């Protein structure tokens, strides 16, 4: 199963521009995803869908996503606005007023979580949201499950953007999923960078943004002393592909820019490909069984 992810689209950052920079970057990623072989089974759009929470930006987002031949499942981030989101995505459930719902994708179950607290940049998770998640996890304790949310619950070291692991919402979320071995991964956005971290017995995968990226700088920052460090950089629009192999969720990150090819699968590379694949026990076993099957 192949799960595509986009995040931090920030459509409407330049609201009066019909050829908006962030829309061009989003379209570039969507063209790549819809032309893939194999094509993703679904697309997760993990928050900060628009920049100002306005209806026109949500309308334009819906229009952009309409080219996708696979289902698109959104969640909200700190730049989103629930009421306006609901007007343009009325099919998305909102129990207790939160954008939280289940996606049954056959091989995997996704639980989409709302970590928005309007007016706050960082994440939030209250008892009402926790109760909903507890109930969903308790319903299917043996079902492979992935949690989808905007804010990562982990400290990534970029001080001006990171999550404090002592925040009450992190503790509540951690307590809510504790002991649920069916949780195979947590998929997030928010940080505008590709990041992976082990956390509380599972893996947090953080997708880079379609909008411009956050600069990688792990040095301490003093909010009272501007030091002219880079904060936002014009790296290419990016996305994630998460492959579920039946055991693990494997995350890949890439950009939508063209890549310079240095080698291709031709006759010169064929011996290497054959040798690499012949080393695998599963392939050897299949080749050994073939004569037996043919004889039968």
Protein backbone atom coordinates (compact mmCIF):
# COMPACT_ATOMS: atom_id res chain seq x y z
CA UNK A 1 0.00 0.00 0.00
CA UNK A 2 1.33 3.44 -0.95
CA UNK A 3 0.30 6.55 0.98
CA UNK A 4 1.23 9.99 -0.35
CA UNK A 5 1.46 12.98 1.96
CA UNK A 6 1.54 16.72 1.41
CA UNK A 7 1.57 19.29 4.18
CA UNK A 8 1.84 22.98 5.00
CA UNK A 9 0.41 24.20 1.72
CA UNK A 10 -0.33 27.71 3.05
CA UNK A 11 -2.58 28.55 0.13
CA UNK A 12 -3.57 32.21 0.26
CA UNK A 13 -0.30 33.51 1.69
CA UNK A 14 -0.38 35.88 -1.30
CA UNK A 15 -4.17 36.27 -1.46
CA UNK A 16 -4.52 38.78 -4.27
CA UNK A 17 -2.24 36.96 -6.70
CA UNK A 18 -4.02 34.52 -9.09
CA UNK A 19 -0.60 33.00 -9.91
CA UNK A 20 0.33 32.55 -6.27
CA UNK A 21 3.77 31.05 -5.55
CA UNK A 22 2.38 28.50 -3.07
CA UNK A 23 -0.31 27.39 -5.55
CA UNK A 24 2.33 26.81 -8.21
CA UNK A 25 4.34 24.70 -5.77
CA UNK A 26 1.26 22.68 -4.80
CA UNK A 27 0.34 22.06 -8.45
CA UNK A 28 3.89 20.92 -9.17
CA UNK A 29 3.69 18.27 -6.45
CA UNK A 30 0.20 17.13 -7.46
CA UNK A 31 1.26 16.71 -11.10
CA UNK A 32 4.07 14.44 -9.97
CA UNK A 33 1.89 12.38 -7.62
CA UNK A 34 -0.90 11.88 -10.15
CA UNK A 35 1.61 10.75 -12.79
CA UNK A 36 3.37 8.19 -10.61
CA UNK A 37 3.66 4.50 -11.36
CA UNK A 38 2.55 2.95 -9.13
CA UNK A 39 0.08 5.64 -8.21
CA UNK A 40 -0.60 6.32 -4.51
CA UNK A 41 -3.64 4.64 -3.01
CA UNK A 42 -4.56 7.80 -1.13
CA UNK A 43 -3.26 11.25 -0.22
CA UNK A 44 -3.00 12.73 3.27
CA UNK A 45 -2.98 16.54 3.49
CA UNK A 46 -1.71 17.16 7.00
CA UNK A 47 -2.69 20.68 7.92
CA UNK A 48 -1.91 24.34 7.36
CA UNK A 49 -3.93 23.77 4.23
CA UNK A 50 -4.42 27.52 3.86
CA UNK A 51 -2.55 30.42 5.39
CA UNK A 52 -5.29 32.68 6.75
CA UNK A 53 -8.26 30.36 7.26
CA UNK A 54 -10.32 32.13 4.59
CA UNK A 55 -13.01 30.58 2.43
CA UNK A 56 -11.56 31.64 -0.92
CA UNK A 57 -8.30 29.81 -0.17
CA UNK A 58 -10.18 26.66 0.84
CA UNK A 59 -12.17 26.92 -2.39
CA UNK A 60 -8.98 27.19 -4.42
CA UNK A 61 -7.47 24.28 -2.49
CA UNK A 62 -10.47 22.09 -3.25
CA UNK A 63 -10.14 23.03 -6.90
CA UNK A 64 -6.42 22.13 -6.93
CA UNK A 65 -7.05 18.75 -5.29
CA UNK A 66 -9.82 17.89 -7.74
CA UNK A 67 -7.26 16.50 -10.22
CA UNK A 68 -6.40 13.65 -7.83
CA UNK A 69 -7.73 10.26 -8.99
CA UNK A 70 -7.26 8.88 -5.46
CA UNK A 71 -9.00 9.85 -2.19
CA UNK A 72 -7.65 12.91 -0.36
CA UNK A 73 -7.96 13.03 3.43
CA UNK A 74 -7.21 16.39 5.12
CA UNK A 75 -6.52 17.42 8.69
CA UNK A 76 -6.21 20.89 10.18
CA UNK A 77 -3.17 22.80 11.41
CA UNK A 78 -2.59 26.01 13.30
CA UNK A 79 -3.20 28.21 10.22
CA UNK A 80 -6.57 26.58 9.52
CA UNK A 81 -9.99 27.64 10.75
CA UNK A 82 -12.44 24.86 11.59
CA UNK A 83 -15.70 26.60 10.74
CA UNK A 84 -14.50 27.73 7.32
CA UNK A 85 -12.83 24.38 6.66
CA UNK A 86 -16.14 22.62 7.40
CA UNK A 87 -17.97 24.81 4.86
CA UNK A 88 -15.67 23.65 2.07
CA UNK A 89 -15.11 20.05 3.25
CA UNK A 90 -18.59 19.17 4.56
CA UNK A 91 -17.99 15.44 4.09
CA UNK A 92 -15.27 15.38 6.77
CA UNK A 93 -16.64 14.35 10.21
CA UNK A 94 -16.25 16.75 13.14
CA UNK A 95 -17.17 14.95 16.39
CA UNK A 96 -17.46 17.42 19.29
CA UNK A 97 -16.50 20.17 16.83
CA UNK A 98 -13.04 18.73 16.10
CA UNK A 99 -11.73 17.50 12.74
CA UNK A 100 -11.24 13.88 13.82
CA UNK A 101 -12.25 10.81 11.84
CA UNK A 102 -11.36 7.29 10.78
CA UNK A 103 -10.27 6.15 7.33
CA UNK A 104 -10.61 2.42 6.66
CA UNK A 105 -8.09 1.84 3.87
CA UNK A 106 -8.27 -1.95 3.94
CA UNK A 107 -4.70 -2.86 4.78
CA UNK A 108 -4.42 0.02 7.23
CA UNK A 109 -6.66 2.05 9.47
CA UNK A 110 -5.96 5.79 9.76
CA UNK A 111 -7.11 7.88 12.70
CA UNK A 112 -6.96 11.58 11.85
CA UNK A 113 -6.49 13.83 14.89
CA UNK A 114 -7.18 17.54 15.38
CA UNK A 115 -4.27 19.34 17.13
CA UNK A 116 -5.49 22.88 16.40
CA UNK A 117 -6.03 25.48 19.09
CA UNK A 118 -7.11 28.59 17.26
CA UNK A 119 -4.89 31.53 18.13
CA UNK A 120 -1.97 29.30 19.16
CA UNK A 121 0.96 28.32 16.95
CA UNK A 122 1.81 25.09 18.78
CA UNK A 123 -0.28 21.97 19.17
CA UNK A 124 -3.21 21.14 21.41
CA UNK A 125 -5.03 18.00 22.52
CA UNK A 126 -7.84 18.09 25.07
CA UNK A 127 -9.80 15.48 26.98
CA UNK A 128 -12.64 15.46 24.43
CA UNK A 129 -10.20 14.66 21.63
CA UNK A 130 -8.42 12.11 23.80
CA UNK A 131 -11.70 10.36 24.64
CA UNK A 132 -12.52 10.01 20.94
CA UNK A 133 -9.08 8.55 20.21
CA UNK A 134 -9.25 6.12 23.17
CA UNK A 135 -12.61 4.84 21.97
CA UNK A 136 -11.40 4.33 18.41
CA UNK A 137 -8.25 2.51 19.51
CA UNK A 138 -10.24 0.29 21.88
CA UNK A 139 -12.65 -0.70 19.09
CA UNK A 140 -10.00 -2.51 17.03
CA UNK A 141 -6.99 -3.40 19.23
CA UNK A 142 -5.57 -5.82 16.67
CA UNK A 143 -5.95 -3.59 13.59
CA UNK A 144 -2.78 -2.00 12.17
CA UNK A 145 -3.31 1.72 12.69
CA UNK A 146 -1.55 4.95 11.74
CA UNK A 147 -2.30 8.25 13.51
CA UNK A 148 -2.37 11.36 11.32
CA UNK A 149 -1.98 14.83 12.86
CA UNK A 150 -0.48 18.23 12.09
CA UNK A 151 1.74 18.92 15.09
CA UNK A 152 4.55 16.47 15.92
CA UNK A 153 4.63 15.48 19.61
CA UNK A 154 8.44 15.28 19.60
CA UNK A 155 11.27 17.75 20.24
CA UNK A 156 13.21 18.04 16.95
CA UNK A 157 15.84 20.56 18.06
CA UNK A 158 14.91 23.51 15.83
CA UNK A 159 14.22 25.76 18.80
CA UNK A 160 11.90 28.33 17.25
CA UNK A 161 9.64 25.66 15.74
CA UNK A 162 9.95 22.62 17.99
CA UNK A 163 7.50 21.06 20.44
CA UNK A 164 8.34 21.17 24.14
CA UNK A 165 7.99 17.54 25.33
CA UNK A 166 6.68 18.85 28.67
CA UNK A 167 3.64 20.51 27.10
CA UNK A 168 0.43 19.14 28.68
CA UNK A 169 -1.06 18.21 25.30
CA UNK A 170 1.94 15.98 24.54
CA UNK A 171 1.58 14.17 27.85
CA UNK A 172 -2.14 13.61 27.30
CA UNK A 173 -1.60 12.35 23.76
CA UNK A 174 1.21 10.02 24.88
CA UNK A 175 -0.96 8.63 27.69
CA UNK A 176 -3.84 8.11 25.26
CA UNK A 177 -1.90 5.89 22.86
CA UNK A 178 0.23 4.16 25.52
CA UNK A 179 -0.06 0.38 25.40
CA UNK A 180 -1.73 0.32 21.98
CA UNK A 181 0.65 -1.84 19.99
CA UNK A 182 -1.54 -1.54 16.89
CA UNK A 183 -0.24 2.01 16.37
CA UNK A 184 2.40 1.48 13.67
CA UNK A 185 3.34 5.09 13.11
CA UNK A 186 2.44 8.75 13.49
CA UNK A 187 2.37 10.97 10.38
CA UNK A 188 2.76 14.73 10.89
CA UNK A 189 3.58 18.03 9.23
CA UNK A 190 4.06 21.55 10.68
CA UNK A 191 7.87 21.75 10.65
CA UNK A 192 8.43 22.24 6.90
CA UNK A 193 11.27 19.71 6.96
CA UNK A 194 11.73 15.94 6.46
CA UNK A 195 12.30 14.49 9.92
CA UNK A 196 11.96 11.03 11.46
CA UNK A 197 12.10 10.21 15.15
CA UNK A 198 11.53 7.26 17.43
CA UNK A 199 8.95 8.23 20.06
CA UNK A 200 7.18 6.26 22.78
CA UNK A 201 7.58 2.91 21.03
CA UNK A 202 6.57 4.07 17.57
CA UNK A 203 7.96 6.28 14.77
CA UNK A 204 7.02 9.88 14.04
CA UNK A 205 7.42 10.79 10.35
CA UNK A 206 7.35 14.52 9.58
CA UNK A 207 6.79 15.56 5.99
CA UNK A 208 8.46 18.55 4.31
CA UNK A 209 6.13 21.19 2.93
CA UNK A 210 4.84 22.10 -0.49
CA UNK A 211 5.35 25.71 0.64
CA UNK A 212 8.93 26.95 1.29
CA UNK A 213 10.97 24.96 3.81
CA UNK A 214 12.34 25.79 7.25
CA UNK A 215 16.13 26.10 7.41
CA UNK A 216 18.01 23.39 9.28
CA UNK A 217 19.67 25.13 12.23
CA UNK A 218 20.07 23.32 15.54
CA UNK A 219 21.90 26.16 17.31
CA UNK A 220 20.26 27.71 20.39
CA UNK A 221 18.21 30.81 19.67
CA UNK A 222 17.73 33.84 21.91
CA UNK A 223 14.36 35.49 21.18
CA UNK A 224 15.76 38.80 22.46
CA UNK A 225 18.84 38.77 20.20
CA UNK A 226 18.11 38.54 16.43
CA UNK A 227 21.19 36.97 14.81
CA UNK A 228 20.22 37.05 11.11
CA UNK A 229 20.13 33.27 10.83
CA UNK A 230 18.19 31.81 7.87
CA UNK A 231 14.68 30.80 8.89
CA UNK A 232 12.71 30.13 5.69
CA UNK A 233 14.46 28.91 2.54
CA UNK A 234 13.38 28.45 -1.08
CA UNK A 235 14.10 24.73 -1.31
CA UNK A 236 11.89 22.86 -3.81
CA UNK A 237 8.31 21.81 -3.00
CA UNK A 238 8.34 18.41 -1.33
CA UNK A 239 6.18 15.47 -0.32
CA UNK A 240 6.33 12.08 1.39
CA UNK A 241 5.51 8.57 0.29
CA UNK A 242 4.80 6.05 3.03
CA UNK A 243 4.87 2.39 1.98
CA UNK A 244 3.07 -0.14 4.14
CA UNK A 245 4.70 -3.53 3.52
CA UNK A 246 2.44 -5.45 5.89
CA UNK A 247 4.90 -5.14 8.76
CA UNK A 248 6.35 -1.63 8.85
CA UNK A 249 5.49 1.82 7.58
CA UNK A 250 8.49 2.92 5.48
CA UNK A 251 8.69 6.67 4.77
CA UNK A 252 10.39 8.28 1.76
CA UNK A 253 10.79 12.02 1.21
CA UNK A 254 11.40 13.73 -2.12
CA UNK A 255 11.04 17.01 -3.97
CA UNK A 256 8.98 17.72 -7.06
CA UNK A 257 11.91 19.23 -8.96
CA UNK A 258 13.52 17.29 -11.77
CA UNK A 259 16.46 15.09 -10.76
CA UNK A 260 19.60 14.71 -12.86
CA UNK A 261 19.93 11.03 -13.84
CA UNK A 262 23.43 9.58 -13.49
CA UNK A 263 22.54 5.94 -14.22
CA UNK A 264 19.59 4.08 -15.71
CA UNK A 265 18.41 0.49 -15.85
CA UNK A 266 19.91 -0.59 -19.18
CA UNK A 267 21.97 -3.56 -20.33
CA UNK A 268 25.04 -2.24 -18.51
CA UNK A 269 23.21 -2.08 -15.18
CA UNK A 270 21.30 -5.34 -15.65
CA UNK A 271 24.01 -7.62 -14.14
CA UNK A 272 24.09 -5.51 -10.97
CA UNK A 273 20.32 -5.58 -10.62
CA UNK A 274 20.24 -9.35 -11.15
CA UNK A 275 23.03 -9.91 -8.63
CA UNK A 276 21.41 -7.74 -5.98
CA UNK A 277 18.02 -9.38 -6.33
CA UNK A 278 19.48 -12.90 -6.44
CA UNK A 279 20.95 -12.36 -2.96
CA UNK A 280 17.54 -12.15 -1.36
CA UNK A 281 16.34 -15.30 0.42
CA UNK A 282 12.76 -14.89 -0.75
CA UNK A 283 13.82 -14.80 -4.38
CA UNK A 284 16.12 -17.79 -3.99
CA UNK A 285 13.32 -19.82 -2.40
CA UNK A 286 10.93 -18.90 -5.22
CA UNK A 287 13.43 -19.96 -7.87
CA UNK A 288 14.06 -23.29 -6.10
CA UNK A 289 10.31 -24.03 -5.94
CA UNK A 290 9.66 -23.22 -9.61
CA UNK A 291 10.98 -26.53 -11.09
CA UNK A 292 8.90 -28.46 -8.55
CA UNK A 293 5.75 -26.59 -9.51
CA UNK A 294 6.47 -27.06 -13.18
CA UNK A 295 7.03 -30.82 -12.71
CA UNK A 296 3.69 -31.12 -10.95
